Amino acid sequence: MKKAYILNSCNTCIRILKELEWDGEVQNIKDKHIDAETLDNAYCQVGSYEQLFNKRAMKYRALKAQVEPLTEEGFRKHILGEYTFLKRPFFVIGDKIIAGNSKKVVEEVRQALES
């Protein structure tokens, strides 16, 4: 399985997909949020919902001022409830989960695609 979860309006996501010459499935997370099963599988592999959480989201700044520091369950709840909280792009390549847009992450996706 090759699937990318992106935001169609995110220029970085689009640029990365083009750079990778992505030919897998693409899901716009604004239209269809990530499902709990996929997120929980990612958690099992990564070991933390916080690592899958987009702390650059504008809504996170507002949220951070309103609540105490989030727990793992809090990160999960917010990712499932609001698409902007999922770190993106978020790739599922076989049984491997890779999320983020740094050069190191893009290279990791490229290597996963080649293997």
C-alpha atoms as a PDB file:
ATOM      1  CA  MET A   1       0.000   0.000   0.000  1.00  0.00           C
ATOM      2  CA  LYS A   2       1.220   3.463  -0.903  1.00  0.00           C
ATOM      3  CA  LYS A   3      -0.829   6.330   0.414  1.00  0.00           C
ATOM      4  CA  ALA A   4      -0.113   9.980   1.161  1.00  0.00           C
ATOM      5  CA  TYR A   5      -2.260  12.106   3.429  1.00  0.00           C
ATOM      6  CA  ILE A   6      -1.901  15.735   2.418  1.00  0.00           C
ATOM      7  CA  LEU A   7      -3.678  19.055   2.422  1.00  0.00           C
ATOM      8  CA  ASN A   8      -4.428  19.984  -1.193  1.00  0.00           C
ATOM      9  CA  SER A   9      -3.870  23.664  -0.426  1.00  0.00           C
ATOM     10  CA  CYS A  10      -0.414  23.005   1.052  1.00  0.00           C
ATOM     11  CA  ASN A  11       2.233  23.982  -1.497  1.00  0.00           C
ATOM     12  CA  THR A  12       4.895  22.056   0.428  1.00  0.00           C
ATOM     13  CA  CYS A  13       2.871  18.828   0.243  1.00  0.00           C
ATOM     14  CA  ILE A  14       2.300  19.261  -3.496  1.00  0.00           C
ATOM     15  CA  ARG A  15       5.980  20.062  -4.088  1.00  0.00           C
ATOM     16  CA  ILE A  16       7.112  16.972  -2.170  1.00  0.00           C
ATOM     17  CA  LEU A  17       4.725  14.685  -4.073  1.00  0.00           C
ATOM     18  CA  LYS A  18       6.065  16.043  -7.381  1.00  0.00           C
ATOM     19  CA  GLU A  19       9.657  15.729  -6.207  1.00  0.00           C
ATOM     20  CA  LEU A  20       9.046  12.100  -5.247  1.00  0.00           C
ATOM     21  CA  GLU A  21       7.113  11.433  -8.471  1.00  0.00           C
ATOM     22  CA  TRP A  22       4.436   9.959  -6.211  1.00  0.00           C
ATOM     23  CA  ASP A  23       2.234   7.413  -7.960  1.00  0.00           C
ATOM     24  CA  GLY A  24       0.340   6.100  -4.947  1.00  0.00           C
ATOM     25  CA  GLU A  25      -3.034   7.035  -3.539  1.00  0.00           C
ATOM     26  CA  VAL A  26      -3.468  10.589  -2.230  1.00  0.00           C
ATOM     27  CA  GLN A  27      -6.035  11.590   0.378  1.00  0.00           C
ATOM     28  CA  ASN A  28      -6.872  15.231   1.046  1.00  0.00           C
ATOM     29  CA  ILE A  29      -7.219  15.351   4.838  1.00  0.00           C
ATOM     30  CA  LYS A  30      -9.525  18.360   4.678  1.00  0.00           C
ATOM     31  CA  ASP A  31     -12.104  16.358   2.719  1.00  0.00           C
ATOM     32  CA  LYS A  32     -11.593  13.062   4.533  1.00  0.00           C
ATOM     33  CA  HIS A  33      -9.776  13.015   7.873  1.00  0.00           C
ATOM     34  CA  ILE A  34      -7.341  10.286   8.786  1.00  0.00           C
ATOM     35  CA  ASP A  35      -9.194   7.402  10.418  1.00  0.00           C
ATOM     36  CA  ALA A  36      -8.543   6.190  13.961  1.00  0.00           C
ATOM     37  CA  GLU A  37      -7.221   2.804  12.821  1.00  0.00           C
ATOM     38  CA  THR A  38      -4.546   4.348  10.576  1.00  0.00           C
ATOM     39  CA  LEU A  39      -3.571   6.833  13.268  1.00  0.00           C
ATOM     40  CA  ASP A  40      -3.352   4.114  15.913  1.00  0.00           C
ATOM     41  CA  ASN A  41      -1.235   1.938  13.599  1.00  0.00           C
ATOM     42  CA  ALA A  42       1.077   4.908  13.080  1.00  0.00           C
ATOM     43  CA  TYR A  43       1.270   5.361  16.846  1.00  0.00           C
ATOM     44  CA  CYS A  44       2.315   1.719  17.271  1.00  0.00           C
ATOM     45  CA  GLN A  45       5.151   2.239  14.808  1.00  0.00           C
ATOM     46  CA  VAL A  46       6.269   5.715  15.852  1.00  0.00           C
ATOM     47  CA  GLY A  47       5.562   5.339  19.566  1.00  0.00           C
ATOM     48  CA  SER A  48       4.008   8.755  20.122  1.00  0.00           C
ATOM     49  CA  TYR A  49       0.985  10.708  18.938  1.00  0.00           C
ATOM     50  CA  GLU A  50       2.972  13.845  19.670  1.00  0.00           C
ATOM     51  CA  GLN A  51       5.406  12.946  16.843  1.00  0.00           C
ATOM     52  CA  LEU A  52       2.424  12.820  14.456  1.00  0.00           C
ATOM     53  CA  PHE A  53       1.053  16.153  15.687  1.00  0.00           C
ATOM     54  CA  ASN A  54       1.563  19.366  13.713  1.00  0.00           C
ATOM     55  CA  LYS A  55       2.725  21.935  16.256  1.00  0.00           C
ATOM     56  CA  ARG A  56       3.013  24.562  13.517  1.00  0.00           C
ATOM     57  CA  ALA A  57      -0.758  24.662  13.027  1.00  0.00           C
ATOM     58  CA  MET A  58      -2.315  28.061  13.725  1.00  0.00           C
ATOM     59  CA  LYS A  59      -5.034  26.377  15.793  1.00  0.00           C
ATOM     60  CA  TYR A  60      -2.359  24.809  18.013  1.00  0.00           C
ATOM     61  CA  ARG A  61      -1.150  28.242  19.127  1.00  0.00           C
ATOM     62  CA  ALA A  62      -4.652  29.099  20.282  1.00  0.00           C
ATOM     63  CA  LEU A  63      -5.115  25.673  21.848  1.00  0.00           C
ATOM     64  CA  LYS A  64      -1.793  25.882  23.683  1.00  0.00           C
ATOM     65  CA  ALA A  65      -2.918  29.070  25.423  1.00  0.00           C
ATOM     66  CA  GLN A  66      -6.211  27.480  26.541  1.00  0.00           C
ATOM     67  CA  VAL A  67      -5.188  24.097  27.922  1.00  0.00           C
ATOM     68  CA  GLU A  68      -2.519  22.496  30.024  1.00  0.00           C
ATOM     69  CA  PRO A  69       0.171  20.552  28.166  1.00  0.00           C
ATOM     70  CA  LEU A  70      -1.395  17.802  26.081  1.00  0.00           C
ATOM     71  CA  THR A  71      -1.118  14.134  26.972  1.00  0.00           C
ATOM     72  CA  GLU A  72      -0.720  11.389  24.359  1.00  0.00           C
ATOM     73  CA  GLU A  73      -4.492  10.846  24.468  1.00  0.00           C
ATOM     74  CA  GLY A  74      -5.010  14.598  24.021  1.00  0.00           C
ATOM     75  CA  PHE A  75      -2.773  14.636  20.934  1.00  0.00           C
ATOM     76  CA  ARG A  76      -4.739  11.684  19.506  1.00  0.00           C
ATOM     77  CA  LYS A  77      -8.095  13.339  20.186  1.00  0.00           C
ATOM     78  CA  HIS A  78      -7.063  16.593  18.523  1.00  0.00           C
ATOM     79  CA  ILE A  79      -5.559  14.896  15.442  1.00  0.00           C
ATOM     80  CA  LEU A  80      -8.766  12.924  14.902  1.00  0.00           C
ATOM     81  CA  GLY A  81     -10.932  15.971  15.535  1.00  0.00           C
ATOM     82  CA  GLU A  82      -9.163  18.571  13.405  1.00  0.00           C
ATOM     83  CA  TYR A  83      -7.310  17.848  10.160  1.00  0.00           C
ATOM     84  CA  THR A  84      -4.778  20.657  10.636  1.00  0.00           C
ATOM     85  CA  PHE A  85      -3.250  18.853  13.619  1.00  0.00           C
ATOM     86  CA  LEU A  86      -1.925  15.930  11.535  1.00  0.00           C
ATOM     87  CA  LYS A  87       1.718  16.397  10.603  1.00  0.00           C
ATOM     88  CA  ARG A  88       1.968  16.395   6.846  1.00  0.00           C
ATOM     89  CA  PRO A  89       2.619  15.041   4.434  1.00  0.00           C
ATOM     90  CA  PHE A  90       1.895  11.733   6.107  1.00  0.00           C
ATOM     91  CA  PHE A  91       2.978   8.663   4.125  1.00  0.00           C
ATOM     92  CA  VAL A  92       2.019   5.011   4.448  1.00  0.00           C
ATOM     93  CA  ILE A  93       4.381   2.846   2.389  1.00  0.00           C
ATOM     94  CA  GLY A  94       3.750  -0.812   3.015  1.00  0.00           C
ATOM     95  CA  ASP A  95       3.974  -1.154   6.784  1.00  0.00           C
ATOM     96  CA  LYS A  96       6.128   1.954   7.166  1.00  0.00           C
ATOM     97  CA  ILE A  97       4.756   5.288   8.414  1.00  0.00           C
ATOM     98  CA  ILE A  98       6.651   8.512   7.673  1.00  0.00           C
ATOM     99  CA  ALA A  99       5.372  11.999   8.533  1.00  0.00           C
ATOM    100  CA  GLY A 100       6.787  15.450   8.019  1.00  0.00           C
ATOM    101  CA  ASN A 101       8.367  17.627   5.375  1.00  0.00           C
ATOM    102  CA  SER A 102      12.036  18.024   6.308  1.00  0.00           C
ATOM    103  CA  LYS A 103      14.717  17.048   3.793  1.00  0.00           C
ATOM    104  CA  LYS A 104      15.625  14.085   5.999  1.00  0.00           C
ATOM    105  CA  VAL A 105      12.005  12.853   6.010  1.00  0.00           C
ATOM    106  CA  VAL A 106      11.654  13.266   2.235  1.00  0.00           C
ATOM    107  CA  GLU A 107      14.848  11.248   1.758  1.00  0.00           C
ATOM    108  CA  GLU A 108      13.471   8.554   4.078  1.00  0.00           C
ATOM    109  CA  VAL A 109      10.300   8.387   1.947  1.00  0.00           C
ATOM    110  CA  ARG A 110      12.401   8.158  -1.207  1.00  0.00           C
ATOM    111  CA  GLN A 111      14.393   5.253   0.240  1.00  0.00           C
ATOM    112  CA  ALA A 112      11.205   3.474   1.346  1.00  0.00           C
ATOM    113  CA  LEU A 113       9.814   3.819  -2.184  1.00  0.00           C
ATOM    114  CA  GLU A 114      12.977   2.350  -3.710  1.00  0.00           C
ATOM    115  CA  SER A 115      13.049  -0.716  -1.451  1.00  0.00           C
END
